[in-house]
Amino acid sequence: EDCSAGGCLIELAQQLAVIMIGKQIINNAQEILLPKAKAWWHNKRVKLSKKHTKTRWEEDYQLVDNEGLFEEYLEMVLQFGFITIFVAAFPLAPLFALLNNWVEIRLDAQKYVCENRRIVAERA
């Protein structure tokens, strides 16, 4: 398929806008919904009797296991690559990335502080 006389920059900008905005909305929805679904499923599987009052450390032990930070860093690296390569075609990409990262920081903080079990410290 050939581009118009002006080039493919408009089509590229449209595709990048869909990728940047759409992917960010989908990823943020997953950041919100998946941990809640995992916690609900985990609590359903590991139900203790209601007569026994749990101490704080027992409640914390029932939190979802931490899966590491690789996925979080991978998401940021891919976003940085998109912005760096295609900023000429879609100049608003850094603004959307900034807004997304602001929301992402809040969601990750909520997830790691309240919904995940703490990582056990070990030597490198």
Protein backbone atom coordinates (compact mmCIF):
# COMPACT_ATOMS: atom_id res chain seq x y z
CA GLU A 1 0.00 0.00 0.00
CA ASP A 2 1.42 3.34 -1.04
CA CYS A 3 1.41 6.50 0.98
CA SER A 4 -0.08 9.78 -0.13
CA ALA A 5 2.04 12.48 -1.74
CA GLY A 6 2.72 14.03 1.69
CA GLY A 7 4.14 10.79 3.08
CA CYS A 8 3.02 8.30 5.72
CA LEU A 9 3.56 10.58 8.70
CA ILE A 10 -0.17 11.13 9.34
CA GLU A 11 -0.93 7.40 9.25
CA LEU A 12 2.03 6.72 11.52
CA ALA A 13 0.88 9.40 13.97
CA GLN A 14 -2.62 7.88 14.06
CA GLN A 15 -1.27 4.41 14.72
CA LEU A 16 1.06 5.68 17.44
CA ALA A 17 -1.78 7.58 19.10
CA VAL A 18 -3.86 4.41 19.17
CA ILE A 19 -0.94 2.39 20.52
CA MET A 20 0.13 4.92 23.14
CA ILE A 21 -3.32 5.87 24.43
CA GLY A 22 -5.11 2.55 23.95
CA LYS A 23 -2.31 0.43 25.36
CA GLN A 24 -1.99 2.71 28.37
CA ILE A 25 -5.70 2.49 29.14
CA ILE A 26 -5.67 -1.31 28.81
CA ASN A 27 -2.51 -1.69 30.93
CA ASN A 28 -3.84 0.58 33.68
CA ALA A 29 -7.14 -1.32 33.73
CA GLN A 30 -5.15 -4.54 34.10
CA GLU A 31 -3.07 -2.97 36.88
CA ILE A 32 -6.29 -2.25 38.77
CA LEU A 33 -8.39 -5.33 38.02
CA LEU A 34 -5.89 -8.21 37.98
CA PRO A 35 -4.48 -7.71 41.51
CA LYS A 36 -8.00 -7.42 42.89
CA ALA A 37 -9.05 -10.60 41.08
CA LYS A 38 -5.91 -12.43 42.29
CA ALA A 39 -6.50 -11.30 45.87
CA TRP A 40 -10.15 -12.35 45.71
CA TRP A 41 -9.22 -15.78 44.32
CA HIS A 42 -6.42 -16.20 46.87
CA ASN A 43 -8.73 -15.27 49.76
CA LYS A 44 -11.38 -17.64 48.48
CA ARG A 45 -8.90 -20.53 48.35
CA VAL A 46 -7.28 -19.85 51.72
CA LYS A 47 -10.19 -19.26 54.03
CA LEU A 48 -9.60 -19.74 57.71
CA SER A 49 -12.36 -20.29 60.20
CA LYS A 50 -14.18 -17.14 61.23
CA LYS A 51 -13.92 -18.02 64.94
CA HIS A 52 -10.15 -17.55 64.96
CA THR A 53 -9.12 -13.90 65.04
CA LYS A 54 -6.00 -13.44 62.94
CA THR A 55 -3.01 -11.41 64.01
CA ARG A 56 -1.58 -8.81 61.65
CA TRP A 57 1.27 -11.03 60.46
CA GLU A 58 -1.21 -13.82 59.65
CA GLU A 59 -3.28 -11.38 57.60
CA ASP A 60 -0.15 -10.19 55.80
CA TYR A 61 0.85 -13.77 55.04
CA GLN A 62 -2.43 -14.21 53.16
CA LEU A 63 -1.50 -11.46 50.68
CA VAL A 64 -0.64 -12.36 47.08
CA ASP A 65 2.98 -13.37 46.41
CA ASN A 66 5.18 -10.72 44.83
CA GLU A 67 6.01 -11.46 41.19
CA GLY A 68 9.04 -9.20 40.87
CA LEU A 69 9.66 -5.95 39.05
CA PHE A 70 10.64 -7.21 35.59
CA GLU A 71 7.25 -6.50 34.01
CA GLU A 72 7.18 -2.97 35.46
CA TYR A 73 10.62 -2.12 34.09
CA LEU A 74 9.85 -3.76 30.73
CA GLU A 75 6.77 -1.58 30.33
CA MET A 76 8.78 1.59 31.00
CA VAL A 77 11.60 0.58 28.63
CA LEU A 78 9.17 -0.15 25.79
CA GLN A 79 7.40 3.16 26.37
CA PHE A 80 10.72 5.02 26.33
CA GLY A 81 11.62 3.29 23.05
CA PHE A 82 8.35 4.29 21.42
CA ILE A 83 8.77 7.89 22.53
CA THR A 84 12.40 8.13 21.46
CA ILE A 85 11.91 6.63 18.02
CA PHE A 86 8.59 8.16 17.03
CA VAL A 87 8.54 11.58 18.72
CA ALA A 88 8.76 13.30 15.32
CA ALA A 89 5.64 11.53 14.08
CA PHE A 90 3.60 11.93 17.29
CA PRO A 91 4.82 14.94 19.33
CA LEU A 92 2.17 14.45 22.04
CA ALA A 93 3.60 11.03 22.96
CA PRO A 94 5.83 12.39 25.77
CA LEU A 95 2.84 14.13 27.34
CA PHE A 96 0.77 10.95 27.30
CA ALA A 97 3.75 9.02 28.66
CA LEU A 98 4.13 11.52 31.51
CA LEU A 99 0.44 11.25 32.42
CA ASN A 100 0.59 7.47 32.18
CA ASN A 101 3.70 7.28 34.37
CA TRP A 102 2.07 9.50 36.99
CA VAL A 103 -0.94 7.17 37.17
CA GLU A 104 1.31 4.10 36.98
CA ILE A 105 3.39 5.22 39.98
CA ARG A 106 0.25 5.54 42.10
CA LEU A 107 -1.12 2.18 40.98
CA ASP A 108 2.18 0.39 41.57
CA ALA A 109 2.56 1.95 45.02
CA GLN A 110 -0.93 0.78 45.97
CA LYS A 111 -0.24 -2.69 44.61
CA TYR A 112 3.14 -3.18 46.29
CA VAL A 113 2.20 -1.65 49.65
CA CYS A 114 -1.32 -2.98 50.20
CA GLU A 115 -1.93 -6.01 47.99
CA ASN A 116 1.36 -7.91 47.71
CA ARG A 117 3.29 -9.84 50.30
CA ARG A 118 6.62 -8.27 51.25
CA ILE A 119 9.74 -9.74 49.71
CA VAL A 120 12.03 -11.64 52.07
CA ALA A 121 15.45 -9.98 52.12
CA GLU A 122 18.36 -12.08 50.90
CA ARG A 123 21.96 -11.51 49.94
CA ALA A 124 22.79 -10.86 46.31
